[in-house]
Amino acid sequence: MSTLYTVNRSPATGLLERCQRFAKPGDGILFLEDGTYHGAQESTLSELDSDIAVYCLKEDLAARGLTEKITDRAQPVSYRRFVELCTEFDKVVSWF
């Protein structure tokens, strides 16, 4: 059973580290709101299993001036793709 985890808090909160304990190969993590700052940190994302898909919401990246700073590991996605991802994974778990 695959899970899409959404993370909306900045790296300073330690939220991603808690989320990582549950994420497994085949899962995905979508960063939105201040969570998109994770998408600009190669060192943080390199700690994730390579079989976990990583996404960042485009609009939130743009709002924070991170569009050009996103790492290759994170795939920018639109709101439309966000909705599609929610249906492609078996369940969605939001980390606040």
PDB file of N, CA and C in Angstrom:
ATOM      1  N   MET A   1       0.848  -1.173   0.000  1.00  0.00           N
ATOM      2  CA  MET A   1       0.000   0.000   0.000  1.00  0.00           C
ATOM      3  C   MET A   1       0.895   1.239   0.000  1.00  0.00           C
ATOM      4  N   SER A   2       0.767   2.066  -1.010  1.00  0.00           N
ATOM      5  CA  SER A   2       1.610   3.254  -1.133  1.00  0.00           C
ATOM      6  C   SER A   2       0.960   4.461  -0.452  1.00  0.00           C
ATOM      7  N   THR A   3       1.816   5.341   0.052  1.00  0.00           N
ATOM      8  CA  THR A   3       1.353   6.517   0.778  1.00  0.00           C
ATOM      9  C   THR A   3       2.013   7.764   0.217  1.00  0.00           C
ATOM     10  N   LEU A   4       1.228   8.819   0.048  1.00  0.00           N
ATOM     11  CA  LEU A   4       1.742  10.134  -0.276  1.00  0.00           C
ATOM     12  C   LEU A   4       1.721  10.940   1.015  1.00  0.00           C
ATOM     13  N   TYR A   5       2.892  11.374   1.452  1.00  0.00           N
ATOM     14  CA  TYR A   5       3.008  12.208   2.644  1.00  0.00           C
ATOM     15  C   TYR A   5       3.117  13.660   2.198  1.00  0.00           C
ATOM     16  N   THR A   6       2.362  14.544   2.831  1.00  0.00           N
ATOM     17  CA  THR A   6       2.493  15.970   2.540  1.00  0.00           C
ATOM     18  C   THR A   6       3.140  16.628   3.753  1.00  0.00           C
ATOM     19  N   VAL A   7       4.135  17.468   3.480  1.00  0.00           N
ATOM     20  CA  VAL A   7       4.873  18.161   4.535  1.00  0.00           C
ATOM     21  C   VAL A   7       4.784  19.654   4.245  1.00  0.00           C
ATOM     22  N   ASN A   8       4.203  20.424   5.184  1.00  0.00           N
ATOM     23  CA  ASN A   8       4.000  21.844   4.926  1.00  0.00           C
ATOM     24  C   ASN A   8       4.774  22.763   5.868  1.00  0.00           C
ATOM     25  N   ARG A   9       5.710  22.223   6.618  1.00  0.00           N
ATOM     26  CA  ARG A   9       6.491  23.044   7.551  1.00  0.00           C
ATOM     27  C   ARG A   9       7.958  23.108   7.127  1.00  0.00           C
ATOM     28  N   SER A  10       8.637  24.148   7.543  1.00  0.00           N
ATOM     29  CA  SER A  10      10.034  24.380   7.156  1.00  0.00           C
ATOM     30  C   SER A  10      10.965  23.330   7.769  1.00  0.00           C
ATOM     31  N   PRO A  11      12.168  23.223   7.237  1.00  0.00           N
ATOM     32  CA  PRO A  11      13.151  22.277   7.775  1.00  0.00           C
ATOM     33  C   PRO A  11      13.444  22.485   9.260  1.00  0.00           C
ATOM     34  N   ALA A  12      13.315  23.683   9.757  1.00  0.00           N
ATOM     35  CA  ALA A  12      13.619  23.972  11.160  1.00  0.00           C
ATOM     36  C   ALA A  12      12.733  23.203  12.143  1.00  0.00           C
ATOM     37  N   THR A  13      11.582  22.735  11.699  1.00  0.00           N
ATOM     38  CA  THR A  13      10.638  22.059  12.596  1.00  0.00           C
ATOM     39  C   THR A  13      10.992  20.608  12.869  1.00  0.00           C
ATOM     40  N   GLY A  14      11.829  19.994  12.016  1.00  0.00           N
ATOM     41  CA  GLY A  14      12.158  18.580  12.184  1.00  0.00           C
ATOM     42  C   GLY A  14      11.059  17.646  11.721  1.00  0.00           C
ATOM     43  N   LEU A  15      10.056  18.199  11.072  1.00  0.00           N
ATOM     44  CA  LEU A  15       8.904  17.411  10.634  1.00  0.00           C
ATOM     45  C   LEU A  15       9.283  16.325   9.626  1.00  0.00           C
ATOM     46  N   LEU A  16      10.170  16.642   8.695  1.00  0.00           N
ATOM     47  CA  LEU A  16      10.564  15.655   7.691  1.00  0.00           C
ATOM     48  C   LEU A  16      11.256  14.464   8.341  1.00  0.00           C
ATOM     49  N   GLU A  17      12.078  14.694   9.339  1.00  0.00           N
ATOM     50  CA  GLU A  17      12.772  13.601  10.015  1.00  0.00           C
ATOM     51  C   GLU A  17      11.780  12.627  10.646  1.00  0.00           C
ATOM     52  N   ARG A  18      10.713  13.163  11.217  1.00  0.00           N
ATOM     53  CA  ARG A  18       9.673  12.290  11.802  1.00  0.00           C
ATOM     54  C   ARG A  18       8.933  11.533  10.710  1.00  0.00           C
ATOM     55  N   CYS A  19       8.660  12.208   9.613  1.00  0.00           N
ATOM     56  CA  CYS A  19       7.968  11.590   8.480  1.00  0.00           C
ATOM     57  C   CYS A  19       8.802  10.456   7.881  1.00  0.00           C
ATOM     58  N   GLN A  20      10.117  10.667   7.793  1.00  0.00           N
ATOM     59  CA  GLN A  20      11.015   9.684   7.188  1.00  0.00           C
ATOM     60  C   GLN A  20      10.935   8.325   7.877  1.00  0.00           C
ATOM     61  N   ARG A  21      10.643   8.300   9.141  1.00  0.00           N
ATOM     62  CA  ARG A  21      10.562   7.031   9.874  1.00  0.00           C
ATOM     63  C   ARG A  21       9.451   6.133   9.341  1.00  0.00           C
ATOM     64  N   PHE A  22       8.467   6.722   8.685  1.00  0.00           N
ATOM     65  CA  PHE A  22       7.320   5.967   8.189  1.00  0.00           C
ATOM     66  C   PHE A  22       7.375   5.723   6.682  1.00  0.00           C
ATOM     67  N   ALA A  23       8.036   6.603   5.946  1.00  0.00           N
ATOM     68  CA  ALA A  23       8.097   6.494   4.484  1.00  0.00           C
ATOM     69  C   ALA A  23       8.917   5.281   4.074  1.00  0.00           C
ATOM     70  N   LYS A  24       8.436   4.584   3.050  1.00  0.00           N
ATOM     71  CA  LYS A  24       9.126   3.387   2.554  1.00  0.00           C
ATOM     72  C   LYS A  24       9.190   3.440   1.026  1.00  0.00           C
ATOM     73  N   PRO A  25      10.009   2.596   0.431  1.00  0.00           N
ATOM     74  CA  PRO A  25      10.084   2.588  -1.042  1.00  0.00           C
ATOM     75  C   PRO A  25       8.692   2.449  -1.669  1.00  0.00           C
ATOM     76  N   GLY A  26       8.451   3.239  -2.697  1.00  0.00           N
ATOM     77  CA  GLY A  26       7.149   3.253  -3.362  1.00  0.00           C
ATOM     78  C   GLY A  26       6.243   4.371  -2.882  1.00  0.00           C
ATOM     79  N   ASP A  27       6.605   5.002  -1.767  1.00  0.00           N
ATOM     80  CA  ASP A  27       5.839   6.132  -1.245  1.00  0.00           C
ATOM     81  C   ASP A  27       6.303   7.418  -1.919  1.00  0.00           C
ATOM     82  N   GLY A  28       5.621   8.505  -1.626  1.00  0.00           N
ATOM     83  CA  GLY A  28       5.999   9.808  -2.141  1.00  0.00           C
ATOM     84  C   GLY A  28       5.877  10.854  -1.047  1.00  0.00           C
ATOM     85  N   ILE A  29       6.666  11.906  -1.166  1.00  0.00           N
ATOM     86  CA  ILE A  29       6.577  13.040  -0.247  1.00  0.00           C
ATOM     87  C   ILE A  29       6.369  14.289  -1.087  1.00  0.00           C
ATOM     88  N   LEU A  30       5.333  15.025  -0.754  1.00  0.00           N
ATOM     89  CA  LEU A  30       5.028  16.281  -1.439  1.00  0.00           C
ATOM     90  C   LEU A  30       5.229  17.425  -0.463  1.00  0.00           C
ATOM     91  N   PHE A  31       6.119  18.343  -0.823  1.00  0.00           N
ATOM     92  CA  PHE A  31       6.367  19.526  -0.008  1.00  0.00           C
ATOM     93  C   PHE A  31       5.496  20.664  -0.513  1.00  0.00           C
ATOM     94  N   LEU A  32       4.803  21.313   0.405  1.00  0.00           N
ATOM     95  CA  LEU A  32       3.984  22.455   0.055  1.00  0.00           C
ATOM     96  C   LEU A  32       4.153  23.527   1.127  1.00  0.00           C
ATOM     97  N   GLU A  33       3.660  24.711   0.843  1.00  0.00           N
ATOM     98  CA  GLU A  33       3.805  25.860   1.729  1.00  0.00           C
ATOM     99  C   GLU A  33       5.285  25.991   2.128  1.00  0.00           C
ATOM    100  N   ASP A  34       5.590  26.201   3.426  1.00  0.00           N
ATOM    101  CA  ASP A  34       6.987  26.351   3.847  1.00  0.00           C
ATOM    102  C   ASP A  34       7.780  25.049   3.735  1.00  0.00           C
ATOM    103  N   GLY A  35       7.100  23.953   3.541  1.00  0.00           N
ATOM    104  CA  GLY A  35       7.782  22.675   3.329  1.00  0.00           C
ATOM    105  C   GLY A  35       8.616  22.662   2.061  1.00  0.00           C
ATOM    106  N   THR A  36       8.312  23.574   1.123  1.00  0.00           N
ATOM    107  CA  THR A  36       9.069  23.610  -0.127  1.00  0.00           C
ATOM    108  C   THR A  36      10.535  23.994   0.095  1.00  0.00           C
ATOM    109  N   TYR A  37      10.860  24.558   1.250  1.00  0.00           N
ATOM    110  CA  TYR A  37      12.269  24.851   1.546  1.00  0.00           C
ATOM    111  C   TYR A  37      13.102  23.570   1.570  1.00  0.00           C
ATOM    112  N   HIS A  38      12.474  22.446   1.869  1.00  0.00           N
ATOM    113  CA  HIS A  38      13.181  21.159   1.817  1.00  0.00           C
ATOM    114  C   HIS A  38      13.667  20.874   0.397  1.00  0.00           C
ATOM    115  N   GLY A  39      12.901  21.294  -0.589  1.00  0.00           N
ATOM    116  CA  GLY A  39      13.239  21.040  -1.987  1.00  0.00           C
ATOM    117  C   GLY A  39      14.494  21.738  -2.460  1.00  0.00           C
ATOM    118  N   ALA A  40      14.964  22.700  -1.692  1.00  0.00           N
ATOM    119  CA  ALA A  40      16.185  23.429  -2.040  1.00  0.00           C
ATOM    120  C   ALA A  40      17.385  22.941  -1.236  1.00  0.00           C
ATOM    121  N   GLN A  41      17.196  21.885  -0.450  1.00  0.00           N
ATOM    122  CA  GLN A  41      18.276  21.372   0.398  1.00  0.00           C
ATOM    123  C   GLN A  41      18.689  19.970  -0.043  1.00  0.00           C
ATOM    124  N   GLU A  42      19.702  19.912  -0.869  1.00  0.00           N
ATOM    125  CA  GLU A  42      20.192  18.624  -1.379  1.00  0.00           C
ATOM    126  C   GLU A  42      20.582  17.680  -0.249  1.00  0.00           C
ATOM    127  N   SER A  43      21.230  18.200   0.779  1.00  0.00           N
ATOM    128  CA  SER A  43      21.688  17.331   1.869  1.00  0.00           C
ATOM    129  C   SER A  43      20.522  16.648   2.574  1.00  0.00           C
ATOM    130  N   THR A  44      19.438  17.361   2.772  1.00  0.00           N
ATOM    131  CA  THR A  44      18.262  16.782   3.424  1.00  0.00           C
ATOM    132  C   THR A  44      17.627  15.707   2.558  1.00  0.00           C
ATOM    133  N   LEU A  45      17.463  15.986   1.282  1.00  0.00           N
ATOM    134  CA  LEU A  45      16.801  15.037   0.393  1.00  0.00           C
ATOM    135  C   LEU A  45      17.660  13.824   0.098  1.00  0.00           C
ATOM    136  N   SER A  46      18.974  13.959   0.180  1.00  0.00           N
ATOM    137  CA  SER A  46      19.849  12.813  -0.090  1.00  0.00           C
ATOM    138  C   SER A  46      19.704  11.743   0.985  1.00  0.00           C
ATOM    139  N   GLU A  47      19.166  12.105   2.138  1.00  0.00           N
ATOM    140  CA  GLU A  47      18.951  11.149   3.209  1.00  0.00           C
ATOM    141  C   GLU A  47      17.715  10.268   2.971  1.00  0.00           C
ATOM    142  N   LEU A  48      16.858  10.671   2.045  1.00  0.00           N
ATOM    143  CA  LEU A  48      15.657   9.889   1.730  1.00  0.00           C
ATOM    144  C   LEU A  48      16.017   8.695   0.852  1.00  0.00           C
ATOM    145  N   ASP A  49      15.329   7.597   1.040  1.00  0.00           N
ATOM    146  CA  ASP A  49      15.492   6.428   0.182  1.00  0.00           C
ATOM    147  C   ASP A  49      15.267   6.859  -1.268  1.00  0.00           C
ATOM    148  N   SER A  50      16.092   6.381  -2.173  1.00  0.00           N
ATOM    149  CA  SER A  50      15.985   6.794  -3.582  1.00  0.00           C
ATOM    150  C   SER A  50      14.700   6.302  -4.246  1.00  0.00           C
ATOM    151  N   ASP A  51      14.013   5.344  -3.638  1.00  0.00           N
ATOM    152  CA  ASP A  51      12.754   4.834  -4.187  1.00  0.00           C
ATOM    153  C   ASP A  51      11.528   5.577  -3.638  1.00  0.00           C
ATOM    154  N   ILE A  52      11.765   6.676  -2.955  1.00  0.00           N
ATOM    155  CA  ILE A  52      10.674   7.536  -2.489  1.00  0.00           C
ATOM    156  C   ILE A  52      10.633   8.749  -3.407  1.00  0.00           C
ATOM    157  N   ALA A  53       9.499   8.946  -4.068  1.00  0.00           N
ATOM    158  CA  ALA A  53       9.336  10.084  -4.981  1.00  0.00           C
ATOM    159  C   ALA A  53       9.212  11.373  -4.173  1.00  0.00           C
ATOM    160  N   VAL A  54       9.822  12.445  -4.682  1.00  0.00           N
ATOM    161  CA  VAL A  54       9.796  13.738  -3.991  1.00  0.00           C
ATOM    162  C   VAL A  54       9.215  14.786  -4.933  1.00  0.00           C
ATOM    163  N   TYR A  55       8.222  15.515  -4.437  1.00  0.00           N
ATOM    164  CA  TYR A  55       7.539  16.538  -5.215  1.00  0.00           C
ATOM    165  C   TYR A  55       7.495  17.839  -4.432  1.00  0.00           C
ATOM    166  N   CYS A  56       7.442  18.973  -5.150  1.00  0.00           N
ATOM    167  CA  CYS A  56       7.260  20.294  -4.543  1.00  0.00           C
ATOM    168  C   CYS A  56       6.184  21.031  -5.329  1.00  0.00           C
ATOM    169  N   LEU A  57       5.285  21.672  -4.632  1.00  0.00           N
ATOM    170  CA  LEU A  57       4.226  22.431  -5.289  1.00  0.00           C
ATOM    171  C   LEU A  57       4.818  23.683  -5.935  1.00  0.00           C
ATOM    172  N   LYS A  58       4.649  23.806  -7.249  1.00  0.00           N
ATOM    173  CA  LYS A  58       5.242  24.912  -8.029  1.00  0.00           C
ATOM    174  C   LYS A  58       4.861  26.288  -7.498  1.00  0.00           C
ATOM    175  N   GLU A  59       3.596  26.480  -7.224  1.00  0.00           N
ATOM    176  CA  GLU A  59       3.124  27.795  -6.787  1.00  0.00           C
ATOM    177  C   GLU A  59       3.776  28.203  -5.469  1.00  0.00           C
ATOM    178  N   ASP A  60       3.972  27.255  -4.573  1.00  0.00           N
ATOM    179  CA  ASP A  60       4.607  27.565  -3.296  1.00  0.00           C
ATOM    180  C   ASP A  60       6.101  27.802  -3.458  1.00  0.00           C
ATOM    181  N   LEU A  61       6.724  27.103  -4.394  1.00  0.00           N
ATOM    182  CA  LEU A  61       8.137  27.373  -4.709  1.00  0.00           C
ATOM    183  C   LEU A  61       8.285  28.811  -5.210  1.00  0.00           C
ATOM    184  N   ALA A  62       7.419  29.197  -6.140  1.00  0.00           N
ATOM    185  CA  ALA A  62       7.477  30.542  -6.724  1.00  0.00           C
ATOM    186  C   ALA A  62       7.232  31.614  -5.664  1.00  0.00           C
ATOM    187  N   ALA A  63       6.277  31.397  -4.792  1.00  0.00           N
ATOM    188  CA  ALA A  63       5.943  32.380  -3.758  1.00  0.00           C
ATOM    189  C   ALA A  63       7.109  32.624  -2.802  1.00  0.00           C
ATOM    190  N   ARG A  64       7.997  31.644  -2.687  1.00  0.00           N
ATOM    191  CA  ARG A  64       9.135  31.749  -1.769  1.00  0.00           C
ATOM    192  C   ARG A  64      10.461  31.995  -2.494  1.00  0.00           C
ATOM    193  N   GLY A  65      10.383  32.239  -3.800  1.00  0.00           N
ATOM    194  CA  GLY A  65      11.596  32.515  -4.576  1.00  0.00           C
ATOM    195  C   GLY A  65      12.516  31.317  -4.708  1.00  0.00           C
ATOM    196  N   LEU A  66      11.944  30.108  -4.692  1.00  0.00           N
ATOM    197  CA  LEU A  66      12.757  28.886  -4.712  1.00  0.00           C
ATOM    198  C   LEU A  66      12.736  28.146  -6.046  1.00  0.00           C
ATOM    199  N   THR A  67      12.025  28.666  -7.025  1.00  0.00           N
ATOM    200  CA  THR A  67      11.872  27.961  -8.300  1.00  0.00           C
ATOM    201  C   THR A  67      13.214  27.565  -8.906  1.00  0.00           C
ATOM    202  N   GLU A  68      14.180  28.454  -8.878  1.00  0.00           N
ATOM    203  CA  GLU A  68      15.496  28.184  -9.466  1.00  0.00           C
ATOM    204  C   GLU A  68      16.435  27.454  -8.510  1.00  0.00           C
ATOM    205  N   LYS A  69      16.025  27.287  -7.269  1.00  0.00           N
ATOM    206  CA  LYS A  69      16.897  26.678  -6.267  1.00  0.00           C
ATOM    207  C   LYS A  69      16.547  25.223  -5.965  1.00  0.00           C
ATOM    208  N   ILE A  70      15.482  24.719  -6.564  1.00  0.00           N
ATOM    209  CA  ILE A  70      15.040  23.362  -6.292  1.00  0.00           C
ATOM    210  C   ILE A  70      16.088  22.353  -6.780  1.00  0.00           C
ATOM    211  N   THR A  71      16.294  21.304  -6.030  1.00  0.00           N
ATOM    212  CA  THR A  71      17.280  20.286  -6.391  1.00  0.00           C
ATOM    213  C   THR A  71      16.720  19.353  -7.458  1.00  0.00           C
ATOM    214  N   ASP A  72      17.609  18.606  -8.085  1.00  0.00           N
ATOM    215  CA  ASP A  72      17.182  17.639  -9.103  1.00  0.00           C
ATOM    216  C   ASP A  72      16.342  16.516  -8.505  1.00  0.00           C
ATOM    217  N   ARG A  73      16.482  16.279  -7.231  1.00  0.00           N
ATOM    218  CA  ARG A  73      15.767  15.182  -6.561  1.00  0.00           C
ATOM    219  C   ARG A  73      14.267  15.454  -6.444  1.00  0.00           C
ATOM    220  N   ALA A  74      13.893  16.730  -6.401  1.00  0.00           N
ATOM    221  CA  ALA A  74      12.493  17.110  -6.219  1.00  0.00           C
ATOM    222  C   ALA A  74      11.869  17.529  -7.546  1.00  0.00           C
ATOM    223  N   GLN A  75      10.693  17.002  -7.808  1.00  0.00           N
ATOM    224  CA  GLN A  75       9.973  17.318  -9.040  1.00  0.00           C
ATOM    225  C   GLN A  75       8.905  18.375  -8.759  1.00  0.00           C
ATOM    226  N   PRO A  76       8.979  19.533  -9.427  1.00  0.00           N
ATOM    227  CA  PRO A  76       7.939  20.549  -9.232  1.00  0.00           C
ATOM    228  C   PRO A  76       6.622  20.085  -9.862  1.00  0.00           C
ATOM    229  N   VAL A  77       5.512  20.288  -9.152  1.00  0.00           N
ATOM    230  CA  VAL A  77       4.202  19.871  -9.652  1.00  0.00           C
ATOM    231  C   VAL A  77       3.181  20.982  -9.479  1.00  0.00           C
ATOM    232  N   SER A  78       2.190  20.994 -10.350  1.00  0.00           N
ATOM    233  CA  SER A  78       1.093  21.959 -10.286  1.00  0.00           C
ATOM    234  C   SER A  78       0.023  21.470  -9.303  1.00  0.00           C
ATOM    235  N   TYR A  79      -0.947  22.338  -9.026  1.00  0.00           N
ATOM    236  CA  TYR A  79      -2.076  21.917  -8.193  1.00  0.00           C
ATOM    237  C   TYR A  79      -2.820  20.754  -8.844  1.00  0.00           C
ATOM    238  N   ARG A  80      -2.950  20.804 -10.146  1.00  0.00           N
ATOM    239  CA  ARG A  80      -3.637  19.720 -10.866  1.00  0.00           C
ATOM    240  C   ARG A  80      -2.921  18.383 -10.630  1.00  0.00           C
ATOM    241  N   ARG A  81      -1.592  18.406 -10.744  1.00  0.00           N
ATOM    242  CA  ARG A  81      -0.812  17.181 -10.531  1.00  0.00           C
ATOM    243  C   ARG A  81      -0.891  16.746  -9.066  1.00  0.00           C
ATOM    244  N   PHE A  82      -0.967  17.699  -8.154  1.00  0.00           N
ATOM    245  CA  PHE A  82      -1.144  17.398  -6.733  1.00  0.00           C
ATOM    246  C   PHE A  82      -2.409  16.559  -6.537  1.00  0.00           C
ATOM    247  N   VAL A  83      -3.492  16.970  -7.140  1.00  0.00           N
ATOM    248  CA  VAL A  83      -4.752  16.229  -7.039  1.00  0.00           C
ATOM    249  C   VAL A  83      -4.600  14.834  -7.646  1.00  0.00           C
ATOM    250  N   GLU A  84      -3.936  14.742  -8.787  1.00  0.00           N
ATOM    251  CA  GLU A  84      -3.708  13.442  -9.422  1.00  0.00           C
ATOM    252  C   GLU A  84      -2.892  12.524  -8.518  1.00  0.00           C
ATOM    253  N   LEU A  85      -1.861  13.074  -7.884  1.00  0.00           N
ATOM    254  CA  LEU A  85      -1.039  12.273  -6.980  1.00  0.00           C
ATOM    255  C   LEU A  85      -1.868  11.719  -5.827  1.00  0.00           C
ATOM    256  N   CYS A  86      -2.805  12.512  -5.345  1.00  0.00           N
ATOM    257  CA  CYS A  86      -3.662  12.061  -4.248  1.00  0.00           C
ATOM    258  C   CYS A  86      -4.509  10.852  -4.637  1.00  0.00           C
ATOM    259  N   THR A  87      -4.781  10.707  -5.920  1.00  0.00           N
ATOM    260  CA  THR A  87      -5.561   9.552  -6.372  1.00  0.00           C
ATOM    261  C   THR A  87      -4.670   8.386  -6.792  1.00  0.00           C
ATOM    262  N   GLU A  88      -3.414   8.660  -7.127  1.00  0.00           N
ATOM    263  CA  GLU A  88      -2.493   7.602  -7.556  1.00  0.00           C
ATOM    264  C   GLU A  88      -1.937   6.790  -6.384  1.00  0.00           C
ATOM    265  N   PHE A  89      -1.779   7.430  -5.242  1.00  0.00           N
ATOM    266  CA  PHE A  89      -1.315   6.723  -4.052  1.00  0.00           C
ATOM    267  C   PHE A  89      -2.523   6.154  -3.319  1.00  0.00           C
ATOM    268  N   ASP A  90      -2.309   5.069  -2.578  1.00  0.00           N
ATOM    269  CA  ASP A  90      -3.416   4.425  -1.873  1.00  0.00           C
ATOM    270  C   ASP A  90      -3.994   5.287  -0.753  1.00  0.00           C
ATOM    271  N   LYS A  91      -3.115   6.047  -0.096  1.00  0.00           N
ATOM    272  CA  LYS A  91      -3.601   6.940   0.961  1.00  0.00           C
ATOM    273  C   LYS A  91      -2.700   8.174   1.034  1.00  0.00           C
ATOM    274  N   VAL A  92      -3.219   9.210   1.681  1.00  0.00           N
ATOM    275  CA  VAL A  92      -2.495  10.471   1.853  1.00  0.00           C
ATOM    276  C   VAL A  92      -2.431  10.761   3.354  1.00  0.00           C
ATOM    277  N   VAL A  93      -1.221  11.064   3.827  1.00  0.00           N
ATOM    278  CA  VAL A  93      -1.006  11.409   5.222  1.00  0.00           C
ATOM    279  C   VAL A  93      -0.372  12.799   5.265  1.00  0.00           C
ATOM    280  N   SER A  94      -1.018  13.723   5.972  1.00  0.00           N
ATOM    281  CA  SER A  94      -0.506  15.097   6.058  1.00  0.00           C
ATOM    282  C   SER A  94       0.242  15.287   7.369  1.00  0.00           C
ATOM    283  N   TRP A  95       1.451  15.845   7.256  1.00  0.00           N
ATOM    284  CA  TRP A  95       2.259  16.170   8.423  1.00  0.00           C
ATOM    285  C   TRP A  95       2.196  17.689   8.619  1.00  0.00           C
ATOM    286  N   PHE A  96       1.736  18.116   9.795  1.00  0.00           N
ATOM    287  CA  PHE A  96       1.591  19.537  10.090  1.00  0.00           C
ATOM    288  C   PHE A  96       2.531  19.928  11.200  1.00  0.00           C
TER     289      PHE A  96
END
